[in-house]
């Protein structure tokens, strides 16, 4: 999450204010966030399965311990980390921060709901694979694969679609004010390589039954093999990414399947894309709120929603996406470290100013003598 700062405000000061801003704007979400915790194991298979998935969700959110580490970013590109503990853990549980080490940003409520969606389509025999468009480090997809495996549903495939290089360059110039596409494109922290995501699946023993779809959506989604989907989880943030995923995936979403829009309630471009698509195609199934950010609906009928006529053509008009030239991965400095850097920079500036004054006094001895006279003495 990014926070604007005034030109005179050091980045670490802006970052310190971020929790206060979130608390002021999302107080209800923080109050509603469930406390991190898991059910204990029992002797019966169902109890063991629930306990396993509960612990997995804590691990994916980096909430298994008593503290976790959050990343904040000030507009201008600086990213820094700070520790969360005690009541502050509700920021992570609610999905209101960026984890430094966790594999998902979505929080526990959305993971709980996603697990429930997977269990429902399995219990009711809704056919189809599961797909996530916009996976970041892959945590939500890890949970989908784990839930399927715990239910013995190994014939279904989880598809993980992401650029694995962050957001593309913004395809337009913002006339004024904040531009979501440009801001997301400029954030290197959101760029997670495919090898890293693949390794996370393997660490959890979930490397089978997963198909990765690397590349920008306009280059990959229209060309996906014809599949039926039981769950389509969209987390592309922007209007174009959301609209493209709907146009390419919704035609093959099974009746009884779930369409999950992660940013529908929080990001206006995502909401506009969903509302436009539903209106144009006469989709009237009720939208259900998951938490402060996420919403979903369950397909009840199959109206005529046609995929793009040319499967290789972009479903949303526009030029092909261009990757951002990014710097190599760097360690995220702690907030305290950033404060010390700022203090050191100020001290260096003061020292340089003092050195310049000394050099000037040395070069002009008479002026130096006058400067050292006591005012009012005449001497």
Protein backbone atom coordinates (compact mmCIF):
# COMPACT_ATOMS: atom_id res chain seq x y z
CA UNK A 1 0.00 0.00 0.00
CA UNK A 2 1.33 3.43 -0.92
CA UNK A 3 1.12 6.68 0.98
CA UNK A 4 1.71 10.12 -0.47
CA UNK A 5 4.12 12.38 1.31
CA UNK A 6 4.81 16.07 1.18
CA UNK A 7 8.13 17.13 -0.39
CA UNK A 8 9.56 18.02 3.04
CA UNK A 9 8.42 14.82 4.73
CA UNK A 10 11.03 12.05 5.07
CA UNK A 11 9.87 8.66 3.74
CA UNK A 12 10.04 6.98 7.15
CA UNK A 13 7.76 9.65 8.62
CA UNK A 14 5.22 9.07 5.85
CA UNK A 15 5.45 5.35 6.52
CA UNK A 16 4.88 5.85 10.23
CA UNK A 17 1.66 7.68 9.38
CA UNK A 18 0.39 4.86 7.20
CA UNK A 19 -0.95 2.70 10.01
CA UNK A 20 -2.76 5.73 11.39
CA UNK A 21 -4.30 6.44 7.99
CA UNK A 22 -5.41 2.82 7.56
CA UNK A 23 -6.85 2.73 11.05
CA UNK A 24 -8.82 5.92 10.40
CA UNK A 25 -10.21 4.77 7.05
CA UNK A 26 -10.66 1.05 7.73
CA UNK A 27 -11.55 0.92 11.40
CA UNK A 28 -14.56 -1.31 10.76
CA UNK A 29 -12.42 -3.77 8.79
CA UNK A 30 -9.88 -3.94 11.61
CA UNK A 31 -12.63 -4.52 14.15
CA UNK A 32 -14.14 -7.29 12.04
CA UNK A 33 -10.81 -9.06 11.44
CA UNK A 34 -10.66 -12.39 13.18
CA UNK A 35 -7.85 -13.12 15.57
CA UNK A 36 -5.09 -15.31 14.08
CA UNK A 37 -5.57 -18.89 15.19
CA UNK A 38 -6.12 -22.47 14.08
CA UNK A 39 -8.30 -25.33 15.21
CA UNK A 40 -6.45 -28.10 16.99
CA UNK A 41 -5.98 -31.51 15.38
CA UNK A 42 -8.36 -34.33 16.17
CA UNK A 43 -8.27 -38.05 15.54
CA UNK A 44 -10.86 -38.01 12.75
CA UNK A 45 -9.75 -37.21 9.16
CA UNK A 46 -12.08 -34.21 8.91
CA UNK A 47 -10.60 -32.61 11.99
CA UNK A 48 -7.07 -33.21 10.77
CA UNK A 49 -7.95 -31.67 7.40
CA UNK A 50 -9.40 -28.54 9.05
CA UNK A 51 -6.40 -28.17 11.33
CA UNK A 52 -3.99 -28.55 8.39
CA UNK A 53 -5.75 -25.90 6.32
CA UNK A 54 -6.01 -23.53 9.31
CA UNK A 55 -2.28 -23.76 9.98
CA UNK A 56 -1.56 -23.38 6.26
CA UNK A 57 -3.55 -20.13 6.13
CA UNK A 58 -1.59 -18.76 9.08
CA UNK A 59 1.68 -19.64 7.35
CA UNK A 60 0.58 -18.09 4.05
CA UNK A 61 -0.20 -14.83 5.87
CA UNK A 62 2.96 -15.05 8.03
CA UNK A 63 0.78 -15.09 11.13
CA UNK A 64 2.06 -18.27 12.75
CA UNK A 65 4.23 -16.30 15.19
CA UNK A 66 3.52 -13.50 17.65
CA UNK A 67 4.95 -10.86 15.31
CA UNK A 68 5.06 -10.29 11.58
CA UNK A 69 6.72 -7.75 9.29
CA UNK A 70 4.84 -5.30 7.10
CA UNK A 71 6.03 -3.37 4.05
CA UNK A 72 4.94 0.20 3.39
CA UNK A 73 5.71 2.36 0.40
CA UNK A 74 5.67 6.10 0.03
CA UNK A 75 4.92 7.63 -3.34
CA UNK A 76 8.33 8.21 -4.80
CA UNK A 77 9.23 4.54 -4.65
CA UNK A 78 10.74 4.08 -1.21
CA UNK A 79 9.76 0.83 0.48
CA UNK A 80 10.51 0.00 4.09
CA UNK A 81 9.44 -2.54 6.67
CA UNK A 82 8.11 -2.41 10.20
CA UNK A 83 7.21 -5.02 12.78
CA UNK A 84 3.58 -5.68 13.73
CA UNK A 85 2.63 -7.23 17.03
CA UNK A 86 -0.30 -7.46 19.43
CA UNK A 87 -3.39 -5.68 18.16
CA UNK A 88 -1.47 -4.54 15.09
CA UNK A 89 -1.68 -8.11 13.76
CA UNK A 90 -5.26 -7.28 12.79
CA UNK A 91 -3.84 -5.29 9.87
CA UNK A 92 -2.48 -8.53 8.41
CA UNK A 93 -5.49 -10.62 9.38
CA UNK A 94 -7.75 -8.12 7.60
CA UNK A 95 -5.55 -8.04 4.49
CA UNK A 96 -4.70 -4.35 4.90
CA UNK A 97 -0.92 -4.46 4.48
CA UNK A 98 1.83 -5.88 2.32
CA UNK A 99 3.69 -8.79 3.97
CA UNK A 100 7.47 -8.79 3.84
CA UNK A 101 7.63 -12.58 4.06
CA UNK A 102 4.06 -13.87 3.71
CA UNK A 103 2.87 -15.42 0.45
CA UNK A 104 -0.41 -13.53 0.20
CA UNK A 105 -1.84 -10.09 0.95
CA UNK A 106 -5.49 -11.15 1.09
CA UNK A 107 -5.82 -11.83 4.82
CA UNK A 108 -7.63 -14.56 6.71
CA UNK A 109 -11.25 -13.69 5.87
CA UNK A 110 -10.68 -13.97 2.12
CA UNK A 111 -8.69 -17.17 2.55
CA UNK A 112 -11.46 -18.64 4.72
CA UNK A 113 -14.03 -17.74 2.07
CA UNK A 114 -11.90 -19.08 -0.76
CA UNK A 115 -11.50 -22.39 1.07
CA UNK A 116 -15.28 -22.50 1.49
CA UNK A 117 -15.83 -21.89 -2.22
CA UNK A 118 -13.50 -24.74 -3.14
CA UNK A 119 -15.19 -27.08 -0.67
CA UNK A 120 -18.63 -26.14 -2.04
CA UNK A 121 -17.85 -26.80 -5.71
CA UNK A 122 -16.33 -30.15 -4.74
CA UNK A 123 -19.24 -31.14 -2.49
CA UNK A 124 -21.82 -30.18 -5.14
CA UNK A 125 -19.94 -31.73 -8.04
CA UNK A 126 -19.46 -28.46 -9.96
CA UNK A 127 -17.09 -29.42 -12.75
CA UNK A 128 -14.08 -27.44 -13.85
CA UNK A 129 -10.61 -26.27 -12.95
CA UNK A 130 -9.66 -23.32 -10.74
CA UNK A 131 -7.80 -20.23 -11.93
CA UNK A 132 -6.32 -17.14 -10.34
CA UNK A 133 -5.40 -14.14 -12.47
CA UNK A 134 -2.91 -12.06 -10.51
CA UNK A 135 -1.20 -14.30 -7.98
CA UNK A 136 1.74 -12.25 -6.63
CA UNK A 137 3.61 -14.84 -4.49
CA UNK A 138 0.92 -17.47 -5.08
CA UNK A 139 -0.57 -17.81 -1.59
CA UNK A 140 -4.25 -17.93 -2.59
CA UNK A 141 -3.52 -20.49 -5.30
CA UNK A 142 -1.52 -22.55 -2.82
CA UNK A 143 -4.61 -22.70 -0.62
CA UNK A 144 -6.83 -23.74 -3.54
CA UNK A 145 -4.46 -26.59 -4.44
CA UNK A 146 -4.12 -27.68 -0.81
CA UNK A 147 -7.89 -27.68 -0.29
CA UNK A 148 -8.42 -29.77 -3.42
CA UNK A 149 -5.73 -32.27 -2.38
CA UNK A 150 -7.16 -32.56 1.13
CA UNK A 151 -10.49 -33.54 -0.45
CA UNK A 152 -8.91 -36.05 -2.84
CA UNK A 153 -9.65 -33.86 -5.90
CA UNK A 154 -6.39 -34.44 -7.72
CA UNK A 155 -7.89 -34.52 -11.22
CA UNK A 156 -8.60 -30.79 -11.16
CA UNK A 157 -5.88 -28.32 -12.13
CA UNK A 158 -5.12 -25.00 -10.47
CA UNK A 159 -4.04 -22.41 -13.05
CA UNK A 160 -1.82 -19.56 -11.83
CA UNK A 161 -1.76 -16.62 -14.26
CA UNK A 162 0.58 -13.71 -13.59
CA UNK A 163 3.22 -11.70 -15.39
CA UNK A 164 5.71 -12.76 -12.68
CA UNK A 165 7.45 -9.46 -13.42
CA UNK A 166 5.11 -6.95 -11.84
CA UNK A 167 2.66 -4.64 -13.54
CA UNK A 168 3.36 -3.45 -17.10
CA UNK A 169 4.10 0.10 -18.05
CA UNK A 170 1.03 2.30 -17.92
CA UNK A 171 -0.43 2.54 -21.42
CA UNK A 172 -1.59 6.14 -20.97
CA UNK A 173 -0.56 9.41 -19.43
CA UNK A 174 -2.51 10.54 -16.40
CA UNK A 175 -3.88 14.03 -16.97
CA UNK A 176 -3.60 14.89 -13.31
CA UNK A 177 -3.74 13.40 -9.86
CA UNK A 178 -3.17 9.81 -8.78
CA UNK A 179 -2.92 7.12 -11.47
CA UNK A 180 -3.34 3.52 -10.25
CA UNK A 181 -1.75 1.86 -13.29
CA UNK A 182 1.35 4.05 -13.18
CA UNK A 183 1.72 3.64 -9.42
CA UNK A 184 1.47 -0.16 -9.55
CA UNK A 185 3.86 -0.33 -12.50
CA UNK A 186 6.46 1.59 -10.53
CA UNK A 187 6.49 -0.82 -7.59
CA UNK A 188 9.28 -3.39 -7.86
CA UNK A 189 8.11 -5.09 -4.66
CA UNK A 190 5.09 -6.47 -6.56
CA UNK A 191 7.32 -8.23 -9.11
CA UNK A 192 7.85 -11.84 -7.98
CA UNK A 193 9.72 -14.20 -10.35
CA UNK A 194 8.07 -17.43 -11.50
CA UNK A 195 10.87 -19.56 -10.05
CA UNK A 196 10.18 -18.11 -6.59
CA UNK A 197 6.45 -18.82 -6.81
CA UNK A 198 7.04 -22.32 -8.15
CA UNK A 199 9.45 -23.03 -5.29
CA UNK A 200 6.81 -21.99 -2.73
CA UNK A 201 4.35 -24.55 -4.11
CA UNK A 202 7.07 -27.20 -3.94
CA UNK A 203 7.94 -26.39 -0.30
CA UNK A 204 4.34 -27.12 0.67
CA UNK A 205 4.33 -30.36 -1.35
CA UNK A 206 1.81 -28.91 -3.80
CA UNK A 207 3.77 -28.85 -7.04
CA UNK A 208 1.52 -31.34 -8.84
CA UNK A 209 -1.74 -30.33 -10.45
CA UNK A 210 -0.60 -26.72 -10.97
CA UNK A 211 -0.16 -24.99 -14.33
CA UNK A 212 1.58 -21.63 -14.44
CA UNK A 213 0.62 -19.08 -17.10
CA UNK A 214 3.48 -16.54 -17.21
CA UNK A 215 3.08 -13.29 -19.11
CA UNK A 216 0.92 -10.20 -19.28
CA UNK A 217 -2.78 -11.03 -19.45
CA UNK A 218 -3.41 -9.62 -22.93
CA UNK A 219 -0.70 -11.95 -24.22
CA UNK A 220 -1.79 -15.09 -22.33
CA UNK A 221 -5.45 -15.21 -21.28
CA UNK A 222 -7.02 -15.05 -24.78
CA UNK A 223 -4.88 -18.02 -25.84
CA UNK A 224 -5.64 -20.30 -22.88
CA UNK A 225 -6.80 -23.79 -23.84
CA UNK A 226 -10.56 -24.23 -23.78
CA UNK A 227 -11.36 -25.15 -20.18
CA UNK A 228 -14.34 -25.20 -17.89
CA UNK A 229 -13.86 -23.25 -14.67
CA UNK A 230 -15.39 -23.98 -11.29
CA UNK A 231 -13.71 -20.96 -9.69
CA UNK A 232 -12.20 -17.88 -11.32
CA UNK A 233 -10.45 -15.59 -8.86
CA UNK A 234 -9.53 -12.20 -10.31
CA UNK A 235 -6.87 -10.06 -8.64
CA UNK A 236 -5.57 -7.82 -11.41
CA UNK A 237 -6.49 -4.50 -9.74
CA UNK A 238 -6.85 -2.40 -12.90
CA UNK A 239 -9.81 -1.94 -15.24
CA UNK A 240 -8.17 -3.57 -18.27
CA UNK A 241 -6.82 -6.58 -16.36
CA UNK A 242 -10.18 -7.24 -14.70
CA UNK A 243 -12.19 -6.74 -17.88
CA UNK A 244 -9.88 -8.99 -19.88
CA UNK A 245 -10.12 -11.79 -17.31
CA UNK A 246 -13.92 -11.57 -17.33
CA UNK A 247 -14.15 -11.64 -21.11
CA UNK A 248 -11.87 -14.64 -21.48
CA UNK A 249 -12.89 -16.73 -18.45
CA UNK A 250 -16.55 -16.05 -17.70
CA UNK A 251 -17.94 -17.70 -20.85
CA UNK A 252 -16.63 -21.06 -19.57
CA UNK A 253 -17.47 -20.58 -15.88
CA UNK A 254 -19.72 -23.48 -14.87
CA UNK A 255 -23.21 -22.90 -13.56
CA UNK A 256 -22.72 -23.08 -9.80
CA UNK A 257 -19.16 -21.82 -10.15
CA UNK A 258 -17.76 -18.77 -8.38
CA UNK A 259 -16.48 -15.52 -9.85
CA UNK A 260 -14.35 -13.81 -7.18
CA UNK A 261 -13.27 -10.17 -7.70
CA UNK A 262 -10.64 -9.41 -5.08
CA UNK A 263 -10.58 -5.62 -5.36
CA UNK A 264 -14.22 -4.95 -6.24
CA UNK A 265 -15.08 -2.97 -3.12
CA UNK A 266 -11.83 -1.03 -2.71
CA UNK A 267 -10.58 -0.11 -6.20
CA UNK A 268 -12.90 1.88 -8.45
CA UNK A 269 -11.30 0.70 -11.75
CA UNK A 270 -11.88 -2.95 -10.79
CA UNK A 271 -15.45 -2.25 -9.73
CA UNK A 272 -16.16 -0.36 -12.94
CA UNK A 273 -14.86 -3.25 -15.05
CA UNK A 274 -17.06 -5.76 -13.23
CA UNK A 275 -20.16 -3.54 -13.32
CA UNK A 276 -19.70 -2.76 -17.01
CA UNK A 277 -19.30 -6.44 -17.88
CA UNK A 278 -22.32 -7.54 -15.83
CA UNK A 279 -24.53 -4.81 -17.31
CA UNK A 280 -23.50 -5.53 -20.91
CA UNK A 281 -24.16 -9.26 -20.53
CA UNK A 282 -27.27 -9.14 -18.40
CA UNK A 283 -25.68 -10.82 -15.39
CA UNK A 284 -28.01 -10.37 -12.44
CA UNK A 285 -26.75 -12.85 -9.86
CA UNK A 286 -26.39 -11.01 -6.53
CA UNK A 287 -22.92 -9.83 -5.58
CA UNK A 288 -21.94 -10.94 -2.07
CA UNK A 289 -19.42 -9.08 0.06
CA UNK A 290 -16.55 -11.15 1.44
CA UNK A 291 -14.76 -8.42 3.39
CA UNK A 292 -13.91 -4.72 3.03
CA UNK A 293 -12.21 -5.37 -0.33
CA UNK A 294 -13.46 -8.56 -1.96
CA UNK A 295 -16.81 -9.61 -3.45
CA UNK A 296 -18.08 -12.59 -5.44
CA UNK A 297 -21.10 -14.08 -7.08
CA UNK A 298 -22.16 -17.57 -7.99
CA UNK A 299 -23.24 -18.25 -11.54
CA UNK A 300 -26.87 -19.38 -11.69
CA UNK A 301 -27.60 -19.25 -15.41
CA UNK A 302 -25.68 -19.34 -18.65
CA UNK A 303 -26.52 -16.22 -20.66
CA UNK A 304 -24.82 -15.66 -23.97
CA UNK A 305 -21.34 -14.47 -23.06
CA UNK A 306 -19.06 -15.04 -26.00
CA UNK A 307 -15.27 -15.26 -25.73
CA UNK A 308 -13.19 -13.22 -28.18
CA UNK A 309 -13.74 -14.39 -31.76
CA UNK A 310 -9.98 -14.69 -32.31
CA UNK A 311 -8.51 -16.55 -29.29
CA UNK A 312 -5.11 -15.03 -30.02
CA UNK A 313 -6.39 -11.45 -30.21
CA UNK A 314 -6.48 -9.23 -27.14
CA UNK A 315 -9.94 -9.07 -25.62
CA UNK A 316 -9.40 -5.44 -24.64
CA UNK A 317 -8.25 -3.10 -27.35
CA UNK A 318 -4.80 -1.64 -26.92
CA UNK A 319 -1.12 -2.19 -27.60
CA UNK A 320 0.73 -5.16 -26.22
CA UNK A 321 1.97 -4.62 -22.68
CA UNK A 322 5.56 -3.55 -22.12
CA UNK A 323 7.56 -4.72 -19.11
CA UNK A 324 9.15 -2.22 -16.75
CA UNK A 325 12.94 -2.16 -16.56
CA UNK A 326 13.43 -3.12 -12.91
CA UNK A 327 16.42 -3.09 -10.63
CA UNK A 328 17.67 -6.36 -9.11
CA UNK A 329 15.91 -7.44 -5.94
CA UNK A 330 17.09 -5.45 -2.94
CA UNK A 331 16.64 -5.95 0.78
CA UNK A 332 13.78 -3.96 2.28
CA UNK A 333 15.19 -1.69 4.97
CA UNK A 334 13.48 -1.40 8.34
CA UNK A 335 11.72 1.80 9.32
CA UNK A 336 14.31 2.43 12.04
CA UNK A 337 17.09 2.03 9.49
CA UNK A 338 15.42 4.56 7.19
CA UNK A 339 15.15 7.00 10.10
CA UNK A 340 18.87 6.59 10.82
CA UNK A 341 19.68 7.08 7.13
CA UNK A 342 17.68 10.31 7.13
CA UNK A 343 19.39 11.51 10.31
CA UNK A 344 22.80 10.65 8.87
CA UNK A 345 21.99 12.54 5.68
CA UNK A 346 21.03 15.62 7.71
CA UNK A 347 24.24 15.41 9.75
CA UNK A 348 26.30 15.08 6.57
CA UNK A 349 24.54 18.12 5.12
CA UNK A 350 25.30 20.11 8.28
CA UNK A 351 28.93 18.97 8.21
CA UNK A 352 29.32 19.95 4.56
CA UNK A 353 27.81 23.36 5.30
CA UNK A 354 30.22 23.84 8.22
CA UNK A 355 33.18 22.77 6.10
CA UNK A 356 32.23 25.24 3.38
CA UNK A 357 32.01 28.03 5.97
CA UNK A 358 35.41 27.11 7.43
CA UNK A 359 36.98 27.10 3.96
CA UNK A 360 35.46 30.50 3.24
CA UNK A 361 36.80 31.90 6.51
CA UNK A 362 40.25 30.50 5.78
CA UNK A 363 40.30 32.05 2.35
CA UNK A 364 39.35 35.49 3.74
CA UNK A 365 41.23 36.02 7.05
CA UNK A 366 40.01 39.59 7.61
CA UNK A 367 36.43 38.53 7.27
CA UNK A 368 37.16 35.66 9.64
CA UNK A 369 38.51 38.08 12.22
CA UNK A 370 35.44 40.30 11.95
CA UNK A 371 33.20 37.25 12.22
CA UNK A 372 34.83 36.31 15.51
CA UNK A 373 34.53 39.76 17.11
CA UNK A 374 32.00 40.02 19.84
CA UNK A 375 29.05 42.11 18.69
CA UNK A 376 28.95 45.55 20.29
CA UNK A 377 32.51 45.55 21.62
CA UNK A 378 34.01 47.54 18.80
CA UNK A 379 37.06 45.34 19.03
